[in-house]
Amino acid sequence: MNASQIYIAIAIVVLAVIAIIVFLVRRNRPEKKFGPLASLAFAFIIAGICFGENRILGYSLMGAGVLLAIIDIVRKSKKKEETPSGFSI
């Protein structure tokens, strides 16, 4: 085997181990869904990666996605602060 093939094999094994650990840890937690703003931010970031050859368009889309994600985080943190007696939604 070539050295690059060994690195790829090690990376695949490490990713598989991480996936198994995440699967086992998250099994007992309740599922959290993306909100509409977070989904839109994710779509913008993926579109920015896809259109990465055109740097202005790619970076603009990624920047818009990051900005939407930050807005979503701020809105969710304000909702948590407003809930009475420390219960979170």
PDB file of N, CA and C in Angstrom:
ATOM      1  N   MET A   1       0.833  -1.190   0.000  1.00  0.00           N
ATOM      2  CA  MET A   1       0.000   0.000   0.000  1.00  0.00           C
ATOM      3  C   MET A   1       0.871   1.245   0.000  1.00  0.00           C
ATOM      4  N   ASN A   2       0.374   2.215  -0.690  1.00  0.00           N
ATOM      5  CA  ASN A   2       1.037   3.500  -0.802  1.00  0.00           C
ATOM      6  C   ASN A   2       0.808   4.305   0.488  1.00  0.00           C
ATOM      7  N   ALA A   3       1.659   5.268   0.761  1.00  0.00           N
ATOM      8  CA  ALA A   3       1.528   6.074   1.980  1.00  0.00           C
ATOM      9  C   ALA A   3       0.217   6.850   1.989  1.00  0.00           C
ATOM     10  N   SER A   4      -0.200   7.389   0.845  1.00  0.00           N
ATOM     11  CA  SER A   4      -1.459   8.139   0.800  1.00  0.00           C
ATOM     12  C   SER A   4      -2.653   7.216   1.029  1.00  0.00           C
ATOM     13  N   GLN A   5      -2.570   5.984   0.588  1.00  0.00           N
ATOM     14  CA  GLN A   5      -3.653   5.025   0.821  1.00  0.00           C
ATOM     15  C   GLN A   5      -3.762   4.671   2.303  1.00  0.00           C
ATOM     16  N   ILE A   6      -2.634   4.618   2.969  1.00  0.00           N
ATOM     17  CA  ILE A   6      -2.641   4.346   4.411  1.00  0.00           C
ATOM     18  C   ILE A   6      -3.289   5.506   5.159  1.00  0.00           C
ATOM     19  N   TYR A   7      -2.964   6.755   4.774  1.00  0.00           N
ATOM     20  CA  TYR A   7      -3.577   7.912   5.410  1.00  0.00           C
ATOM     21  C   TYR A   7      -5.090   7.921   5.192  1.00  0.00           C
ATOM     22  N   ILE A   8      -5.530   7.590   3.995  1.00  0.00           N
ATOM     23  CA  ILE A   8      -6.964   7.548   3.702  1.00  0.00           C
ATOM     24  C   ILE A   8      -7.639   6.458   4.525  1.00  0.00           C
ATOM     25  N   ALA A   9      -7.017   5.302   4.638  1.00  0.00           N
ATOM     26  CA  ALA A   9      -7.591   4.209   5.427  1.00  0.00           C
ATOM     27  C   ALA A   9      -7.691   4.599   6.901  1.00  0.00           C
ATOM     28  N   ILE A  10      -6.669   5.251   7.425  1.00  0.00           N
ATOM     29  CA  ILE A  10      -6.704   5.699   8.819  1.00  0.00           C
ATOM     30  C   ILE A  10      -7.806   6.741   9.018  1.00  0.00           C
ATOM     31  N   ALA A  11      -7.949   7.649   8.079  1.00  0.00           N
ATOM     32  CA  ALA A  11      -8.987   8.680   8.178  1.00  0.00           C
ATOM     33  C   ALA A  11     -10.378   8.056   8.159  1.00  0.00           C
ATOM     34  N   ILE A  12     -10.590   7.052   7.327  1.00  0.00           N
ATOM     35  CA  ILE A  12     -11.887   6.383   7.264  1.00  0.00           C
ATOM     36  C   ILE A  12     -12.186   5.664   8.577  1.00  0.00           C
ATOM     37  N   VAL A  13     -11.196   4.999   9.135  1.00  0.00           N
ATOM     38  CA  VAL A  13     -11.387   4.298  10.415  1.00  0.00           C
ATOM     39  C   VAL A  13     -11.702   5.298  11.529  1.00  0.00           C
ATOM     40  N   VAL A  14     -10.987   6.401  11.578  1.00  0.00           N
ATOM     41  CA  VAL A  14     -11.219   7.411  12.607  1.00  0.00           C
ATOM     42  C   VAL A  14     -12.626   8.003  12.466  1.00  0.00           C
ATOM     43  N   LEU A  15     -13.044   8.311  11.238  1.00  0.00           N
ATOM     44  CA  LEU A  15     -14.387   8.847  11.026  1.00  0.00           C
ATOM     45  C   LEU A  15     -15.461   7.834  11.419  1.00  0.00           C
ATOM     46  N   ALA A  16     -15.225   6.551  11.140  1.00  0.00           N
ATOM     47  CA  ALA A  16     -16.182   5.516  11.528  1.00  0.00           C
ATOM     48  C   ALA A  16     -16.292   5.420  13.054  1.00  0.00           C
ATOM     49  N   VAL A  17     -15.172   5.496  13.747  1.00  0.00           N
ATOM     50  CA  VAL A  17     -15.186   5.448  15.215  1.00  0.00           C
ATOM     51  C   VAL A  17     -15.927   6.658  15.780  1.00  0.00           C
ATOM     52  N   ILE A  18     -15.679   7.833  15.233  1.00  0.00           N
ATOM     53  CA  ILE A  18     -16.373   9.037  15.684  1.00  0.00           C
ATOM     54  C   ILE A  18     -17.871   8.916  15.437  1.00  0.00           C
ATOM     55  N   ALA A  19     -18.267   8.394  14.275  1.00  0.00           N
ATOM     56  CA  ALA A  19     -19.685   8.219  13.964  1.00  0.00           C
ATOM     57  C   ALA A  19     -20.353   7.256  14.944  1.00  0.00           C
ATOM     58  N   ILE A  20     -19.672   6.192  15.293  1.00  0.00           N
ATOM     59  CA  ILE A  20     -20.224   5.218  16.248  1.00  0.00           C
ATOM     60  C   ILE A  20     -20.386   5.851  17.628  1.00  0.00           C
ATOM     61  N   ILE A  21     -19.389   6.611  18.061  1.00  0.00           N
ATOM     62  CA  ILE A  21     -19.461   7.272  19.367  1.00  0.00           C
ATOM     63  C   ILE A  21     -20.613   8.274  19.398  1.00  0.00           C
ATOM     64  N   VAL A  22     -20.742   9.076  18.349  1.00  0.00           N
ATOM     65  CA  VAL A  22     -21.834  10.051  18.288  1.00  0.00           C
ATOM     66  C   VAL A  22     -23.184   9.338  18.286  1.00  0.00           C
ATOM     67  N   PHE A  23     -23.291   8.243  17.548  1.00  0.00           N
ATOM     68  CA  PHE A  23     -24.550   7.491  17.507  1.00  0.00           C
ATOM     69  C   PHE A  23     -24.909   6.952  18.883  1.00  0.00           C
ATOM     70  N   LEU A  24     -23.940   6.422  19.607  1.00  0.00           N
ATOM     71  CA  LEU A  24     -24.218   5.860  20.926  1.00  0.00           C
ATOM     72  C   LEU A  24     -24.557   6.927  21.954  1.00  0.00           C
ATOM     73  N   VAL A  25     -23.917   8.076  21.875  1.00  0.00           N
ATOM     74  CA  VAL A  25     -24.159   9.144  22.834  1.00  0.00           C
ATOM     75  C   VAL A  25     -25.523   9.792  22.585  1.00  0.00           C
ATOM     76  N   ARG A  26     -25.902   9.978  21.336  1.00  0.00           N
ATOM     77  CA  ARG A  26     -27.142  10.670  21.014  1.00  0.00           C
ATOM     78  C   ARG A  26     -28.376   9.774  21.069  1.00  0.00           C
ATOM     79  N   ARG A  27     -28.210   8.516  21.308  1.00  0.00           N
ATOM     80  CA  ARG A  27     -29.352   7.605  21.280  1.00  0.00           C
ATOM     81  C   ARG A  27     -30.384   7.960  22.347  1.00  0.00           C
ATOM     82  N   ASN A  28     -29.957   8.421  23.500  1.00  0.00           N
ATOM     83  CA  ASN A  28     -30.862   8.676  24.611  1.00  0.00           C
ATOM     84  C   ASN A  28     -31.384  10.111  24.668  1.00  0.00           C
ATOM     85  N   ARG A  29     -30.889  10.965  23.811  1.00  0.00           N
ATOM     86  CA  ARG A  29     -31.312  12.363  23.846  1.00  0.00           C
ATOM     87  C   ARG A  29     -32.536  12.578  22.961  1.00  0.00           C
ATOM     88  N   PRO A  30     -33.377  13.549  23.329  1.00  0.00           N
ATOM     89  CA  PRO A  30     -34.499  13.874  22.442  1.00  0.00           C
ATOM     90  C   PRO A  30     -33.986  14.576  21.185  1.00  0.00           C
ATOM     91  N   GLU A  31     -34.675  14.363  20.100  1.00  0.00           N
ATOM     92  CA  GLU A  31     -34.236  14.904  18.812  1.00  0.00           C
ATOM     93  C   GLU A  31     -34.588  16.379  18.715  1.00  0.00           C
ATOM     94  N   LYS A  32     -33.642  17.183  18.254  1.00  0.00           N
ATOM     95  CA  LYS A  32     -33.863  18.606  18.046  1.00  0.00           C
ATOM     96  C   LYS A  32     -33.946  18.862  16.547  1.00  0.00           C
ATOM     97  N   LYS A  33     -34.963  19.576  16.142  1.00  0.00           N
ATOM     98  CA  LYS A  33     -35.159  19.884  14.725  1.00  0.00           C
ATOM     99  C   LYS A  33     -34.595  21.265  14.419  1.00  0.00           C
ATOM    100  N   PHE A  34     -34.171  21.425  13.163  1.00  0.00           N
ATOM    101  CA  PHE A  34     -33.737  22.745  12.700  1.00  0.00           C
ATOM    102  C   PHE A  34     -34.951  23.639  12.532  1.00  0.00           C
ATOM    103  N   GLY A  35     -34.786  24.901  12.873  1.00  0.00           N
ATOM    104  CA  GLY A  35     -35.825  25.878  12.597  1.00  0.00           C
ATOM    105  C   GLY A  35     -35.703  26.349  11.154  1.00  0.00           C
ATOM    106  N   PRO A  36     -36.660  27.128  10.686  1.00  0.00           N
ATOM    107  CA  PRO A  36     -36.604  27.588   9.294  1.00  0.00           C
ATOM    108  C   PRO A  36     -35.405  28.489   9.005  1.00  0.00           C
ATOM    109  N   LEU A  37     -35.024  29.308   9.969  1.00  0.00           N
ATOM    110  CA  LEU A  37     -33.883  30.206   9.752  1.00  0.00           C
ATOM    111  C   LEU A  37     -32.570  29.427   9.716  1.00  0.00           C
ATOM    112  N   ALA A  38     -32.432  28.441  10.568  1.00  0.00           N
ATOM    113  CA  ALA A  38     -31.222  27.610  10.569  1.00  0.00           C
ATOM    114  C   ALA A  38     -31.132  26.781   9.290  1.00  0.00           C
ATOM    115  N   SER A  39     -32.261  26.306   8.810  1.00  0.00           N
ATOM    116  CA  SER A  39     -32.267  25.539   7.561  1.00  0.00           C
ATOM    117  C   SER A  39     -31.859  26.409   6.385  1.00  0.00           C
ATOM    118  N   LEU A  40     -32.356  27.630   6.366  1.00  0.00           N
ATOM    119  CA  LEU A  40     -31.986  28.557   5.305  1.00  0.00           C
ATOM    120  C   LEU A  40     -30.493  28.896   5.369  1.00  0.00           C
ATOM    121  N   ALA A  41     -29.970  29.068   6.577  1.00  0.00           N
ATOM    122  CA  ALA A  41     -28.541  29.343   6.742  1.00  0.00           C
ATOM    123  C   ALA A  41     -27.712  28.167   6.241  1.00  0.00           C
ATOM    124  N   PHE A  42     -28.139  26.961   6.569  1.00  0.00           N
ATOM    125  CA  PHE A  42     -27.440  25.759   6.104  1.00  0.00           C
ATOM    126  C   PHE A  42     -27.456  25.678   4.579  1.00  0.00           C
ATOM    127  N   ALA A  43     -28.599  25.995   3.973  1.00  0.00           N
ATOM    128  CA  ALA A  43     -28.708  25.964   2.513  1.00  0.00           C
ATOM    129  C   ALA A  43     -27.779  26.991   1.863  1.00  0.00           C
ATOM    130  N   PHE A  44     -27.693  28.173   2.456  1.00  0.00           N
ATOM    131  CA  PHE A  44     -26.791  29.200   1.921  1.00  0.00           C
ATOM    132  C   PHE A  44     -25.330  28.758   2.009  1.00  0.00           C
ATOM    133  N   ILE A  45     -24.951  28.141   3.099  1.00  0.00           N
ATOM    134  CA  ILE A  45     -23.570  27.702   3.268  1.00  0.00           C
ATOM    135  C   ILE A  45     -23.240  26.594   2.267  1.00  0.00           C
ATOM    136  N   ILE A  46     -24.148  25.640   2.087  1.00  0.00           N
ATOM    137  CA  ILE A  46     -23.924  24.575   1.101  1.00  0.00           C
ATOM    138  C   ILE A  46     -23.852  25.151  -0.303  1.00  0.00           C
ATOM    139  N   ALA A  47     -24.723  26.115  -0.610  1.00  0.00           N
ATOM    140  CA  ALA A  47     -24.677  26.756  -1.928  1.00  0.00           C
ATOM    141  C   ALA A  47     -23.363  27.501  -2.114  1.00  0.00           C
ATOM    142  N   GLY A  48     -22.864  28.132  -1.057  1.00  0.00           N
ATOM    143  CA  GLY A  48     -21.585  28.827  -1.145  1.00  0.00           C
ATOM    144  C   GLY A  48     -20.431  27.874  -1.419  1.00  0.00           C
ATOM    145  N   ILE A  49     -20.509  26.676  -0.844  1.00  0.00           N
ATOM    146  CA  ILE A  49     -19.473  25.674  -1.115  1.00  0.00           C
ATOM    147  C   ILE A  49     -19.576  25.192  -2.552  1.00  0.00           C
ATOM    148  N   CYS A  50     -20.806  24.986  -3.014  1.00  0.00           N
ATOM    149  CA  CYS A  50     -20.997  24.500  -4.391  1.00  0.00           C
ATOM    150  C   CYS A  50     -20.546  25.522  -5.425  1.00  0.00           C
ATOM    151  N   PHE A  51     -20.782  26.799  -5.157  1.00  0.00           N
ATOM    152  CA  PHE A  51     -20.389  27.855  -6.084  1.00  0.00           C
ATOM    153  C   PHE A  51     -19.043  28.458  -5.694  1.00  0.00           C
ATOM    154  N   GLY A  52     -18.160  27.668  -5.125  1.00  0.00           N
ATOM    155  CA  GLY A  52     -16.873  28.142  -4.647  1.00  0.00           C
ATOM    156  C   GLY A  52     -15.911  28.558  -5.739  1.00  0.00           C
ATOM    157  N   GLU A  53     -16.129  28.095  -6.961  1.00  0.00           N
ATOM    158  CA  GLU A  53     -15.224  28.487  -8.048  1.00  0.00           C
ATOM    159  C   GLU A  53     -15.333  29.978  -8.333  1.00  0.00           C
ATOM    160  N   ASN A  54     -16.539  30.512  -8.261  1.00  0.00           N
ATOM    161  CA  ASN A  54     -16.730  31.953  -8.386  1.00  0.00           C
ATOM    162  C   ASN A  54     -16.617  32.528  -6.979  1.00  0.00           C
ATOM    163  N   ARG A  55     -15.464  33.081  -6.655  1.00  0.00           N
ATOM    164  CA  ARG A  55     -15.174  33.447  -5.271  1.00  0.00           C
ATOM    165  C   ARG A  55     -16.139  34.477  -4.708  1.00  0.00           C
ATOM    166  N   ILE A  56     -16.512  35.462  -5.482  1.00  0.00           N
ATOM    167  CA  ILE A  56     -17.405  36.496  -4.957  1.00  0.00           C
ATOM    168  C   ILE A  56     -18.752  35.886  -4.589  1.00  0.00           C
ATOM    169  N   LEU A  57     -19.307  35.081  -5.477  1.00  0.00           N
ATOM    170  CA  LEU A  57     -20.599  34.448  -5.212  1.00  0.00           C
ATOM    171  C   LEU A  57     -20.501  33.444  -4.060  1.00  0.00           C
ATOM    172  N   GLY A  58     -19.468  32.614  -4.069  1.00  0.00           N
ATOM    173  CA  GLY A  58     -19.317  31.601  -3.030  1.00  0.00           C
ATOM    174  C   GLY A  58     -19.154  32.194  -1.647  1.00  0.00           C
ATOM    175  N   TYR A  59     -18.268  33.164  -1.519  1.00  0.00           N
ATOM    176  CA  TYR A  59     -18.047  33.791  -0.215  1.00  0.00           C
ATOM    177  C   TYR A  59     -19.259  34.611   0.223  1.00  0.00           C
ATOM    178  N   SER A  60     -19.965  35.220  -0.718  1.00  0.00           N
ATOM    179  CA  SER A  60     -21.165  35.976  -0.364  1.00  0.00           C
ATOM    180  C   SER A  60     -22.239  35.053   0.186  1.00  0.00           C
ATOM    181  N   LEU A  61     -22.437  33.916  -0.460  1.00  0.00           N
ATOM    182  CA  LEU A  61     -23.442  32.965   0.015  1.00  0.00           C
ATOM    183  C   LEU A  61     -23.055  32.399   1.383  1.00  0.00           C
ATOM    184  N   MET A  62     -21.775  32.068   1.562  1.00  0.00           N
ATOM    185  CA  MET A  62     -21.345  31.560   2.866  1.00  0.00           C
ATOM    186  C   MET A  62     -21.484  32.629   3.949  1.00  0.00           C
ATOM    187  N   GLY A  63     -21.154  33.858   3.624  1.00  0.00           N
ATOM    188  CA  GLY A  63     -21.305  34.944   4.589  1.00  0.00           C
ATOM    189  C   GLY A  63     -22.765  35.161   4.977  1.00  0.00           C
ATOM    190  N   ALA A  64     -23.657  35.093   3.991  1.00  0.00           N
ATOM    191  CA  ALA A  64     -25.085  35.228   4.280  1.00  0.00           C
ATOM    192  C   ALA A  64     -25.557  34.078   5.172  1.00  0.00           C
ATOM    193  N   GLY A  65     -25.062  32.883   4.914  1.00  0.00           N
ATOM    194  CA  GLY A  65     -25.431  31.731   5.733  1.00  0.00           C
ATOM    195  C   GLY A  65     -24.950  31.871   7.165  1.00  0.00           C
ATOM    196  N   VAL A  66     -23.730  32.326   7.336  1.00  0.00           N
ATOM    197  CA  VAL A  66     -23.191  32.523   8.689  1.00  0.00           C
ATOM    198  C   VAL A  66     -23.971  33.623   9.410  1.00  0.00           C
ATOM    199  N   LEU A  67     -24.304  34.686   8.700  1.00  0.00           N
ATOM    200  CA  LEU A  67     -25.078  35.772   9.299  1.00  0.00           C
ATOM    201  C   LEU A  67     -26.459  35.287   9.745  1.00  0.00           C
ATOM    202  N   LEU A  68     -27.130  34.493   8.914  1.00  0.00           N
ATOM    203  CA  LEU A  68     -28.431  33.935   9.288  1.00  0.00           C
ATOM    204  C   LEU A  68     -28.311  32.985  10.486  1.00  0.00           C
ATOM    205  N   ALA A  69     -27.241  32.223  10.534  1.00  0.00           N
ATOM    206  CA  ALA A  69     -27.033  31.317  11.667  1.00  0.00           C
ATOM    207  C   ALA A  69     -26.830  32.101  12.965  1.00  0.00           C
ATOM    208  N   ILE A  70     -26.081  33.183  12.893  1.00  0.00           N
ATOM    209  CA  ILE A  70     -25.862  34.021  14.080  1.00  0.00           C
ATOM    210  C   ILE A  70     -27.175  34.645  14.536  1.00  0.00           C
ATOM    211  N   ILE A  71     -27.985  35.122  13.586  1.00  0.00           N
ATOM    212  CA  ILE A  71     -29.291  35.693  13.932  1.00  0.00           C
ATOM    213  C   ILE A  71     -30.164  34.641  14.610  1.00  0.00           C
ATOM    214  N   ASP A  72     -30.139  33.415  14.096  1.00  0.00           N
ATOM    215  CA  ASP A  72     -30.924  32.334  14.686  1.00  0.00           C
ATOM    216  C   ASP A  72     -30.460  32.020  16.107  1.00  0.00           C
ATOM    217  N   ILE A  73     -29.161  32.001  16.321  1.00  0.00           N
ATOM    218  CA  ILE A  73     -28.615  31.741  17.661  1.00  0.00           C
ATOM    219  C   ILE A  73     -29.034  32.830  18.635  1.00  0.00           C
ATOM    220  N   VAL A  74     -28.959  34.077  18.215  1.00  0.00           N
ATOM    221  CA  VAL A  74     -29.338  35.186  19.089  1.00  0.00           C
ATOM    222  C   VAL A  74     -30.822  35.124  19.417  1.00  0.00           C
ATOM    223  N   ARG A  75     -31.656  34.823  18.418  1.00  0.00           N
ATOM    224  CA  ARG A  75     -33.101  34.735  18.659  1.00  0.00           C
ATOM    225  C   ARG A  75     -33.427  33.602  19.625  1.00  0.00           C
ATOM    226  N   LYS A  76     -32.762  32.461  19.479  1.00  0.00           N
ATOM    227  CA  LYS A  76     -33.038  31.340  20.375  1.00  0.00           C
ATOM    228  C   LYS A  76     -32.549  31.630  21.789  1.00  0.00           C
ATOM    229  N   SER A  77     -31.422  32.323  21.921  1.00  0.00           N
ATOM    230  CA  SER A  77     -30.931  32.636  23.264  1.00  0.00           C
ATOM    231  C   SER A  77     -31.845  33.641  23.958  1.00  0.00           C
ATOM    232  N   LYS A  78     -32.439  34.558  23.215  1.00  0.00           N
ATOM    233  CA  LYS A  78     -33.383  35.503  23.816  1.00  0.00           C
ATOM    234  C   LYS A  78     -34.657  34.793  24.248  1.00  0.00           C
ATOM    235  N   LYS A  79     -35.111  33.804  23.486  1.00  0.00           N
ATOM    236  CA  LYS A  79     -36.297  33.045  23.872  1.00  0.00           C
ATOM    237  C   LYS A  79     -36.038  32.252  25.149  1.00  0.00           C
ATOM    238  N   LYS A  80     -34.819  31.706  25.302  1.00  0.00           N
ATOM    239  CA  LYS A  80     -34.480  30.962  26.514  1.00  0.00           C
ATOM    240  C   LYS A  80     -34.482  31.876  27.729  1.00  0.00           C
ATOM    241  N   GLU A  81     -33.993  33.092  27.574  1.00  0.00           N
ATOM    242  CA  GLU A  81     -33.943  34.023  28.692  1.00  0.00           C
ATOM    243  C   GLU A  81     -35.330  34.461  29.116  1.00  0.00           C
ATOM    244  N   GLU A  82     -36.300  34.494  28.187  1.00  0.00           N
ATOM    245  CA  GLU A  82     -37.640  34.947  28.490  1.00  0.00           C
ATOM    246  C   GLU A  82     -38.498  33.891  29.171  1.00  0.00           C
ATOM    247  N   THR A  83     -38.114  32.633  29.119  1.00  0.00           N
ATOM    248  CA  THR A  83     -38.948  31.586  29.703  1.00  0.00           C
ATOM    249  C   THR A  83     -38.932  31.690  31.227  1.00  0.00           C
ATOM    250  N   PRO A  84     -40.094  31.514  31.858  1.00  0.00           N
ATOM    251  CA  PRO A  84     -40.147  31.658  33.314  1.00  0.00           C
ATOM    252  C   PRO A  84     -39.531  30.479  34.051  1.00  0.00           C
ATOM    253  N   SER A  85     -39.029  30.745  35.203  1.00  0.00           N
ATOM    254  CA  SER A  85     -38.468  29.797  36.176  1.00  0.00           C
ATOM    255  C   SER A  85     -37.403  28.883  35.612  1.00  0.00           C
ATOM    256  N   GLY A  86     -36.680  29.355  34.620  1.00  0.00           N
ATOM    257  CA  GLY A  86     -35.524  28.619  34.140  1.00  0.00           C
ATOM    258  C   GLY A  86     -35.799  27.452  33.226  1.00  0.00           C
ATOM    259  N   PHE A  87     -37.068  27.215  32.879  1.00  0.00           N
ATOM    260  CA  PHE A  87     -37.358  26.122  31.955  1.00  0.00           C
ATOM    261  C   PHE A  87     -37.076  26.572  30.540  1.00  0.00           C
ATOM    262  N   SER A  88     -36.448  25.705  29.759  1.00  0.00           N
ATOM    263  CA  SER A  88     -36.164  26.042  28.375  1.00  0.00           C
ATOM    264  C   SER A  88     -37.056  25.235  27.451  1.00  0.00           C
ATOM    265  N   ILE A  89     -37.312  25.798  26.314  1.00  0.00           N
ATOM    266  CA  ILE A  89     -38.189  25.148  25.331  1.00  0.00           C
ATOM    267  C   ILE A  89     -37.387  24.249  24.434  1.00  0.00           C
TER     268      ILE A  89
END
